[in-house]
Protein backbone atom coordinates (compact mmCIF):
# COMPACT_ATOMS: atom_id res chain seq x y z
CA MET A 1 3.78 -32.20 20.00
CA ARG A 2 5.18 -31.62 16.47
CA GLY A 3 7.81 -28.96 16.69
CA VAL A 4 11.33 -28.04 16.21
CA HIS A 5 13.88 -30.57 17.59
CA ARG A 6 16.43 -28.71 19.56
CA GLY A 7 19.88 -30.21 19.84
CA ALA A 8 22.28 -29.71 22.76
CA THR A 9 23.87 -26.25 22.88
CA VAL A 10 27.20 -26.24 21.17
CA LEU A 11 30.01 -23.88 22.15
CA VAL A 12 31.54 -22.28 19.07
CA ALA A 13 34.65 -20.14 19.13
CA ALA A 14 33.90 -16.85 17.40
CA PHE A 15 36.76 -16.26 14.90
CA ALA A 16 36.62 -13.32 12.62
CA LEU A 17 38.58 -14.73 9.71
CA LEU A 18 38.95 -12.38 6.79
CA VAL A 19 35.48 -10.96 7.37
CA CYS A 20 33.91 -7.57 7.95
CA ALA A 21 30.51 -6.86 9.33
CA LEU A 22 28.04 -5.02 7.34
CA PRO A 23 24.90 -3.05 8.46
CA ALA A 24 21.74 -5.06 7.86
CA GLN A 25 19.36 -2.38 6.22
CA ALA A 26 15.78 -3.63 6.69
CA SER A 27 12.50 -2.52 5.59
CA PRO A 28 11.38 -0.63 8.70
CA GLY A 29 9.45 -2.91 11.02
CA ALA A 30 9.60 -5.99 8.75
CA ARG A 31 7.95 -8.99 10.38
CA PHE A 32 8.23 -12.68 9.30
CA GLY A 33 5.43 -14.97 10.35
CA ILE A 34 3.36 -17.98 9.54
CA GLN A 35 -0.26 -19.15 9.02
CA ASP A 36 -1.88 -22.49 9.27
CA ASP A 37 -5.45 -22.12 10.61
CA GLY A 38 -6.39 -25.77 10.47
CA TRP A 39 -3.16 -26.90 12.20
CA LEU A 40 -3.36 -24.11 14.85
CA LEU A 41 -7.02 -24.75 15.72
CA TYR A 42 -7.30 -28.49 15.40
CA GLY A 43 -3.80 -29.90 15.02
CA PRO A 44 -2.01 -32.59 17.09
CA GLY A 45 -1.22 -32.04 20.75
CA SER A 46 -2.55 -29.24 22.87
CA LEU A 47 -3.07 -25.74 21.71
CA GLU A 48 -0.39 -24.57 24.07
CA GLU A 49 2.09 -27.03 22.51
CA ARG A 50 1.20 -25.88 19.00
CA VAL A 51 1.78 -22.22 19.89
CA THR A 52 5.08 -23.17 21.59
CA THR A 53 6.10 -24.82 18.34
CA LEU A 54 5.45 -21.48 16.54
CA GLN A 55 7.62 -19.71 19.15
CA GLY A 56 10.42 -22.22 18.58
CA LEU A 57 10.33 -21.55 14.78
CA GLY A 58 10.80 -17.95 15.51
CA ALA A 59 7.63 -16.63 13.99
CA SER A 60 7.17 -12.92 15.02
CA VAL A 61 3.61 -12.87 13.83
CA VAL A 62 0.83 -15.48 13.30
CA ARG A 63 -1.98 -14.93 10.89
CA VAL A 64 -5.39 -16.26 11.96
CA THR A 65 -8.60 -16.10 10.03
CA LEU A 66 -11.56 -15.07 12.24
CA ARG A 67 -14.76 -16.49 10.68
CA TRP A 68 -17.75 -14.23 11.16
CA ASP A 69 -20.19 -16.94 9.98
CA ALA A 70 -18.70 -19.32 12.52
CA VAL A 71 -18.91 -17.09 15.62
CA ALA A 72 -22.33 -15.45 14.77
CA ALA A 73 -24.58 -18.15 13.26
CA THR A 74 -27.54 -16.05 14.46
CA LYS A 75 -27.65 -12.28 14.52
CA PRO A 76 -26.57 -10.87 17.91
CA ALA A 77 -29.05 -8.54 19.59
CA HIS A 78 -26.20 -6.08 20.10
CA PRO A 79 -23.86 -6.81 17.25
CA ARG A 80 -21.11 -4.49 18.37
CA ASP A 81 -20.91 -6.27 21.77
CA GLY A 82 -18.14 -8.87 21.77
CA SER A 83 -19.74 -10.78 24.60
CA GLU A 84 -22.63 -11.85 22.39
CA TYR A 85 -20.47 -13.87 19.96
CA ALA A 86 -19.45 -17.53 20.31
CA TRP A 87 -15.70 -17.09 19.81
CA GLY A 88 -14.96 -20.79 20.44
CA VAL A 89 -11.72 -22.15 19.03
CA TYR A 90 -10.85 -18.74 17.49
CA GLY A 91 -10.98 -17.08 20.86
CA ASN A 92 -8.94 -19.97 22.43
CA ALA A 93 -6.28 -19.60 19.81
CA LEU A 94 -5.92 -15.82 19.94
CA ASP A 95 -5.89 -15.99 23.77
CA GLU A 96 -3.08 -18.52 23.68
CA LEU A 97 -1.03 -16.56 21.13
CA HIS A 98 -1.38 -13.55 23.46
CA ALA A 99 -0.48 -15.51 26.51
CA GLN A 100 2.78 -16.66 24.88
CA GLY A 101 3.64 -13.16 23.63
CA LEU A 102 3.09 -13.88 19.90
CA THR A 103 1.60 -11.03 17.74
CA ALA A 104 -1.53 -11.97 15.88
CA LEU A 105 -2.64 -10.73 12.42
CA VAL A 106 -6.34 -11.25 12.33
CA THR A 107 -8.19 -11.71 8.96
CA LEU A 108 -11.87 -10.94 9.21
CA TYR A 109 -13.74 -13.21 6.79
CA GLY A 110 -16.95 -15.18 6.05
CA SER A 111 -20.41 -13.65 6.14
CA PRO A 112 -23.33 -15.54 8.02
CA ARG A 113 -26.43 -16.29 6.08
CA TRP A 114 -28.52 -13.70 8.08
CA ALA A 115 -26.20 -10.95 6.67
CA ASN A 116 -25.93 -11.97 3.06
CA GLY A 117 -29.41 -13.09 1.95
CA GLY A 118 -28.89 -16.76 2.75
CA GLY A 119 -25.81 -17.25 0.55
CA ARG A 120 -22.50 -18.98 1.14
CA PRO A 121 -19.90 -17.49 3.46
CA SER A 122 -17.97 -16.07 0.48
CA ARG A 123 -20.98 -13.87 -0.46
CA LEU A 124 -20.38 -10.23 0.44
CA PRO A 125 -22.75 -9.12 3.20
CA SER A 126 -25.16 -6.33 2.61
CA SER A 127 -24.43 -4.80 6.03
CA GLY A 128 -23.06 -5.56 9.52
CA PHE A 129 -19.38 -6.17 8.78
CA GLY A 130 -18.33 -3.06 10.68
CA ASP A 131 -20.27 -4.16 13.75
CA PHE A 132 -18.45 -7.47 13.61
CA ALA A 133 -15.07 -5.68 13.38
CA ALA A 134 -16.05 -3.61 16.46
CA ALA A 135 -16.96 -6.72 18.43
CA ALA A 136 -13.72 -8.45 17.45
CA ALA A 137 -11.71 -5.45 18.60
CA GLN A 138 -13.55 -5.38 21.80
CA ARG A 139 -13.02 -9.08 22.51
CA PHE A 140 -9.33 -8.96 21.48
CA PRO A 141 -8.07 -5.53 22.50
CA TRP A 142 -4.42 -6.61 22.20
CA VAL A 143 -4.73 -7.38 18.46
CA ARG A 144 -3.34 -4.44 16.44
CA LEU A 145 -2.91 -5.98 12.96
CA TRP A 146 -6.04 -6.67 10.88
CA THR A 147 -6.80 -7.63 7.31
CA VAL A 148 -10.30 -7.47 5.69
CA TRP A 149 -11.43 -10.59 3.83
CA ASN A 150 -9.16 -12.85 1.81
CA GLU A 151 -8.61 -12.62 -1.94
CA PRO A 152 -11.74 -10.65 -2.76
CA ASN A 153 -10.56 -10.48 -6.45
CA ASN A 154 -11.02 -14.24 -6.62
CA GLY A 155 -14.60 -15.62 -7.11
CA VAL A 156 -13.75 -18.68 -4.94
CA PHE A 157 -13.54 -16.37 -1.83
CA ALA A 158 -15.82 -13.42 -2.85
CA SER A 159 -19.15 -13.10 -4.57
CA PRO A 160 -19.56 -10.88 -6.35
CA VAL A 161 -16.01 -9.87 -7.24
CA SER A 162 -16.36 -6.12 -7.07
CA PRO A 163 -13.80 -3.69 -5.77
CA SER A 164 -16.43 -1.04 -5.10
CA LEU A 165 -18.65 -3.35 -3.06
CA TYR A 166 -15.59 -4.74 -1.17
CA VAL A 167 -14.76 -1.18 -0.19
CA ARG A 168 -18.18 0.05 0.65
CA ARG A 169 -19.47 -3.09 2.47
CA LEU A 170 -16.26 -4.51 4.05
CA LEU A 171 -13.12 -2.48 4.10
CA ASN A 172 -14.29 1.03 4.95
CA PRO A 173 -16.82 -0.09 7.64
CA ALA A 174 -14.13 -2.28 9.27
CA TYR A 175 -11.50 0.36 9.04
CA ALA A 176 -13.79 2.87 10.72
CA SER A 177 -14.69 0.44 13.56
CA LEU A 178 -11.20 -0.71 14.17
CA HIS A 179 -9.68 2.79 14.29
CA ARG A 180 -12.45 3.91 16.51
CA ALA A 181 -11.64 1.12 18.89
CA SER A 182 -7.95 2.05 18.98
CA PRO A 183 -5.89 4.52 16.99
CA ARG A 184 -3.05 1.94 17.24
CA ASN A 185 -4.90 -0.52 15.08
CA ARG A 186 -3.52 -1.03 11.58
CA VAL A 187 -5.89 -2.26 8.88
CA ALA A 188 -4.88 -3.84 5.47
CA GLY A 189 -7.12 -4.04 2.49
CA GLY A 190 -6.85 -5.97 -0.77
CA VAL A 191 -5.33 -9.31 0.30
CA THR A 192 -5.51 -10.10 -3.37
CA SER A 193 -4.50 -13.33 -5.18
CA PRO A 194 -1.47 -12.95 -7.55
CA ARG A 195 -3.35 -13.26 -10.76
CA LYS A 196 -6.65 -13.13 -12.50
CA THR A 197 -8.71 -16.34 -12.05
CA PRO A 198 -11.43 -17.41 -14.38
CA SER A 199 -14.00 -16.04 -11.90
CA GLY A 200 -12.13 -13.06 -10.81
CA MET A 201 -10.21 -9.90 -11.55
CA ALA A 202 -6.49 -9.17 -12.05
CA PRO A 203 -4.94 -7.78 -8.86
CA LEU A 204 -3.91 -4.52 -10.40
CA ALA A 205 -7.39 -3.82 -11.78
CA PHE A 206 -8.91 -4.71 -8.32
CA MET A 207 -6.39 -2.26 -6.65
CA GLN A 208 -7.30 0.51 -9.08
CA GLY A 209 -10.95 -0.19 -8.49
CA MET A 210 -10.39 0.14 -4.73
CA ARG A 211 -8.73 3.46 -5.18
CA SER A 212 -11.55 4.72 -7.37
CA ALA A 213 -14.02 3.62 -4.57
CA ARG A 214 -12.01 5.71 -2.03
CA ALA A 215 -10.60 2.82 -0.03
CA ARG A 216 -9.49 3.46 3.53
CA LEU A 217 -6.49 1.47 4.71
CA ASP A 218 -3.09 1.53 6.41
CA ALA A 219 -1.54 -1.14 4.40
CA TYR A 220 -2.24 -3.01 1.18
CA ALA A 221 -2.05 -6.87 1.46
CA VAL A 222 -1.08 -9.29 -1.42
CA ASN A 223 -0.69 -13.13 -1.50
CA PRO A 224 2.25 -13.23 -3.93
CA TYR A 225 2.46 -16.90 -4.66
CA PRO A 226 4.61 -18.16 -7.51
CA LEU A 227 2.56 -19.20 -10.44
CA SER A 228 4.78 -22.14 -11.48
CA ARG A 229 7.52 -24.24 -10.02
CA LEU A 230 9.98 -22.65 -12.42
CA GLU A 231 9.45 -19.15 -10.78
CA THR A 232 11.89 -18.09 -8.16
CA PRO A 233 11.53 -15.29 -5.58
CA THR A 234 13.45 -12.99 -7.87
CA HIS A 235 12.72 -14.23 -11.51
CA THR A 236 9.35 -14.75 -13.09
CA THR A 237 8.57 -16.92 -16.15
CA CYS A 238 6.17 -14.24 -17.51
CA SER A 239 7.46 -10.71 -17.04
CA TYR A 240 4.70 -9.17 -19.23
CA CYS A 241 1.77 -10.85 -17.63
CA GLY A 242 1.14 -8.37 -14.83
CA TYR A 243 1.11 -11.03 -12.06
CA PHE A 244 1.52 -9.94 -8.45
CA THR A 245 4.09 -12.52 -7.48
CA MET A 246 7.21 -12.25 -5.27
CA ALA A 247 9.34 -11.75 -8.34
CA ALA A 248 7.37 -8.60 -9.08
CA LEU A 249 7.77 -7.13 -5.64
CA PRO A 250 9.32 -3.68 -6.68
CA ARG A 251 6.48 -3.21 -9.20
CA ILE A 252 3.76 -4.17 -6.69
CA HIS A 253 5.13 -1.69 -4.23
CA ALA A 254 5.23 0.98 -6.86
CA GLU A 255 1.62 0.35 -7.72
CA VAL A 256 0.59 0.53 -4.01
CA THR A 257 2.40 3.88 -3.75
CA ARG A 258 0.71 5.19 -6.86
CA SER A 259 -2.72 4.17 -5.77
CA PHE A 260 -2.59 4.89 -1.92
CA GLY A 261 0.41 7.06 -1.21
CA ALA A 262 3.97 6.57 -0.09
CA ARG A 263 3.12 6.01 3.58
CA THR A 264 0.93 2.87 2.81
CA GLN A 265 2.66 -0.36 3.77
CA LEU A 266 2.76 -3.48 1.66
CA TRP A 267 2.00 -6.78 3.50
CA LEU A 268 2.68 -10.09 1.94
CA THR A 269 0.06 -12.16 3.81
CA GLU A 270 0.41 -15.65 2.22
CA TYR A 271 3.35 -17.13 0.38
CA GLY A 272 5.12 -20.51 -0.04
CA TYR A 273 6.39 -23.16 -2.35
CA GLN A 274 4.76 -26.63 -2.56
CA THR A 275 7.12 -29.58 -2.41
CA ASN A 276 7.59 -32.70 -4.54
CA PRO A 277 7.01 -35.09 -2.82
CA PRO A 278 4.15 -35.13 -2.51
CA ASP A 279 3.00 -32.77 -5.30
CA ARG A 280 4.72 -34.17 -8.45
CA PHE A 281 3.24 -31.50 -10.75
CA LEU A 282 3.46 -28.21 -8.90
CA GLY A 283 6.12 -28.87 -6.26
CA VAL A 284 9.79 -28.06 -6.07
CA SER A 285 12.30 -30.20 -4.22
CA PRO A 286 12.33 -29.84 -0.37
CA SER A 287 15.87 -28.40 -0.56
CA LYS A 288 14.81 -25.77 -3.07
CA GLN A 289 11.77 -24.86 -0.94
CA ALA A 290 14.26 -24.28 1.98
CA LEU A 291 16.57 -22.09 -0.16
CA TYR A 292 13.59 -20.07 -1.37
CA LEU A 293 12.69 -19.23 2.20
CA GLY A 294 15.90 -17.36 2.60
CA GLU A 295 15.78 -15.70 -0.84
CA SER A 296 12.29 -14.42 -0.31
CA ALA A 297 13.13 -13.09 3.16
CA LEU A 298 16.15 -11.20 1.72
CA ARG A 299 13.89 -9.77 -1.00
CA VAL A 300 11.48 -8.37 1.57
CA TRP A 301 14.32 -7.08 3.74
CA ARG A 302 15.75 -5.12 0.81
CA GLN A 303 12.46 -3.66 -0.31
CA PRO A 304 11.45 -0.36 1.52
CA GLY A 305 7.81 -0.22 2.44
CA VAL A 306 7.28 -4.02 2.59
CA THR A 307 6.82 -4.75 6.28
CA MET A 308 5.37 -8.34 6.46
CA LEU A 309 5.86 -11.77 4.96
CA ILE A 310 3.67 -14.68 6.08
CA HIS A 311 4.62 -18.26 5.22
CA PHE A 312 1.79 -20.68 4.48
CA LEU A 313 1.61 -23.58 6.01
CA VAL A 314 3.01 -25.24 9.10
CA ARG A 315 2.07 -28.72 7.99
CA ASP A 316 1.01 -30.07 4.50
CA GLU A 317 -2.67 -30.60 3.93
CA PRO A 318 -3.66 -34.22 3.78
CA ASN A 319 -5.20 -34.05 0.39
CA VAL A 320 -2.43 -33.77 -2.31
CA GLY A 321 -4.95 -31.75 -4.30
CA GLY A 322 -4.77 -29.11 -1.48
CA TRP A 323 -1.63 -27.15 -0.48
CA GLN A 324 1.72 -28.80 0.21
CA SER A 325 3.92 -25.86 1.32
CA GLY A 326 4.25 -26.93 4.89
CA LEU A 327 7.35 -26.90 6.99
CA PHE A 328 6.34 -30.42 8.10
CA THR A 329 4.82 -33.33 5.96
CA VAL A 330 1.31 -34.32 6.65
CA SER A 331 2.71 -37.06 9.02
CA GLY A 332 4.68 -34.47 11.07
CA LYS A 333 8.06 -35.21 9.56
CA PRO A 334 10.24 -32.01 9.32
CA LYS A 335 11.39 -30.78 5.95
CA PRO A 336 14.58 -28.90 5.45
CA ALA A 337 12.34 -25.87 5.47
CA VAL A 338 11.80 -26.15 9.25
CA HIS A 339 15.36 -25.06 10.07
CA ALA A 340 15.53 -22.79 6.97
CA PHE A 341 12.56 -20.90 8.46
CA ALA A 342 14.16 -20.44 11.79
CA LEU A 343 17.60 -19.53 10.21
CA PRO A 344 17.01 -18.21 6.74
CA LEU A 345 20.27 -17.52 4.75
CA ALA A 346 20.65 -16.06 1.23
CA GLN A 347 23.57 -14.88 -0.87
CA SER A 348 23.27 -11.15 -1.27
CA SER A 349 26.13 -10.49 -3.71
CA ARG A 350 29.53 -11.76 -4.91
CA ARG A 351 32.46 -9.92 -6.38
CA GLY A 352 35.25 -12.21 -7.17
CA THR A 353 36.04 -14.30 -4.08
CA ARG A 354 34.29 -11.76 -1.87
CA THR A 355 30.67 -12.88 -1.03
CA THR A 356 28.08 -11.10 1.09
CA PHE A 357 25.49 -13.21 2.97
CA TRP A 358 22.31 -12.03 4.61
CA GLY A 359 20.57 -14.10 7.27
CA MET A 360 18.49 -14.15 10.42
CA VAL A 361 18.36 -16.04 13.71
CA ARG A 362 14.55 -15.74 14.23
CA PRO A 363 14.03 -17.61 17.58
CA GLY A 364 14.99 -15.42 20.58
CA SER A 365 15.13 -11.73 21.20
CA GLY A 366 17.68 -9.02 21.08
CA ALA A 367 21.17 -9.56 19.55
CA ARG A 368 21.82 -13.25 18.94
CA SER A 369 25.01 -15.21 18.16
CA TYR A 370 25.47 -16.63 14.76
CA VAL A 371 28.16 -18.67 13.01
CA LEU A 372 28.69 -18.91 9.25
CA GLN A 373 30.27 -22.19 8.34
CA ARG A 374 31.87 -23.54 5.17
CA ARG A 375 32.08 -27.16 4.11
CA THR A 376 35.57 -28.66 3.84
CA ALA A 377 36.88 -32.15 3.17
CA ASN A 378 37.13 -32.52 6.92
CA GLY A 379 33.61 -31.32 7.80
CA TRP A 380 32.15 -27.87 8.69
CA ARG A 381 34.56 -25.12 9.65
CA THR A 382 33.86 -21.62 10.96
CA LEU A 383 33.98 -18.96 8.28
CA ALA A 384 32.72 -16.07 10.32
CA ALA A 385 31.03 -15.42 13.66
CA GLY A 386 29.28 -12.53 15.28
CA ARG A 387 26.06 -11.20 16.72
CA THR A 388 22.99 -10.11 14.86
CA ALA A 389 21.17 -6.81 15.18
CA ARG A 390 18.36 -6.62 17.67
CA SER A 391 16.03 -7.76 14.91
CA GLY A 392 17.88 -11.04 14.58
CA ALA A 393 19.22 -10.11 11.14
CA PHE A 394 22.84 -9.69 9.91
CA ALA A 395 24.77 -9.12 6.72
CA ARG A 396 28.37 -10.35 6.48
CA ALA A 397 30.98 -10.22 3.72
CA VAL A 398 33.46 -13.10 3.66
CA THR A 399 36.02 -14.72 1.41
CA ALA A 400 33.93 -17.45 -0.26
CA PRO A 401 34.50 -18.07 -4.04
CA ALA A 402 31.94 -19.63 -6.30
CA GLY A 403 31.28 -23.16 -5.41
CA THR A 404 31.75 -22.71 -1.72
CA ARG A 405 29.12 -24.50 0.40
CA VAL A 406 27.91 -22.37 3.24
CA ARG A 407 25.38 -22.71 6.10
CA LEU A 408 24.18 -20.72 9.09
CA TRP A 409 24.71 -22.21 12.52
CA SER A 410 23.06 -21.06 15.75
CA PRO A 411 24.89 -21.96 18.95
CA ALA A 412 21.87 -21.15 21.09
CA LEU A 413 19.59 -23.44 19.02
CA GLY A 414 22.13 -26.15 18.38
CA TYR A 415 21.30 -26.61 14.68
CA ALA A 416 22.10 -25.16 11.23
CA GLY A 417 19.87 -23.98 8.45
CA VAL A 418 19.96 -24.79 4.83
CA THR A 419 23.21 -25.39 2.91
CA LEU A 420 23.65 -23.07 -0.04
CA THR A 421 26.30 -23.09 -2.77
CA VAL A 422 27.96 -19.72 -3.65
CA SER A 423 27.09 -18.86 -7.38
């Protein structure tokens, strides 16, 4: 099994040295999770071991794509009956996530040929999607989080690219079926790519088209990938371009509120930085990828109305032309991002020698022990120690001038996250 390597538990004395605890104000219900369909369904080791790895990483939600075309190659006689579908590896994965207590976010995607006139899975179906949603809700009654399609503003994933057809044929039928199955279900629409592709539409134009088509949704979903390796979670290289990237998060949330109302949540359903190596053209260094995990989590935590962030992937794809944002390399070697995902840490602010840090201890439940450590000539020394909120998050102000090297240590896990330098 490729997972998190746990060291021996280390006892750490909890000294409160020149520190004060601060309340960790979160976006209500914020969840931090992960997606890697290929690794989850077909990766090394057993399915049980792979899901245990996700638990060890501290993922509170796991996004899984449920392919309509794969589970219904022929039209079911009773298309709303979940027993007539061949759920296969998808059913196995969702059952195992449920058995181990992990929340699933299910993305319904891919139309079978019998539903779309003999086209590719990306072709929007003429009918039947609401029936598929009803069957999925029947088969997996514990699933409460759903998204409809993936990047329908991108011609690679949707044909034709049309917000009105997306709403009429996919989103609204699925919304009706899923809410009929349970009033506790929450359905997100959009799931848009961060920019206009040559075959697609800009995410804002697509969102506005959905509003005009009277979209029904509980949340709007965006995949806010950076558009260059020079972009950070807080600063874009093109502020006037209208991209929906993490750096534009406040503006994205404002547009969601304008289009669908203040009660509509914003879910960030795919996000990640590729690394160099292996991607020499688009990747950032592994250490920078690890730092950005903490910075992006803090950005979500600070933004009201943003309630989900999904990291993509667990393991790099084997083709360098694919996606290289894994926590592990293609051979299974852990990157610094492995521990940074479990123990994200970011500098929230600094005033003189007083610095505030935000972080999380994701594995575990309830209040968890944490230790902030600073680097000295004689090794790592305790800077502050305490317990997180029940969410696993904390904010702490300490004496740490610019240039101080700090990391987050978990006594329960026996390892530390990324090392950051106070700026």
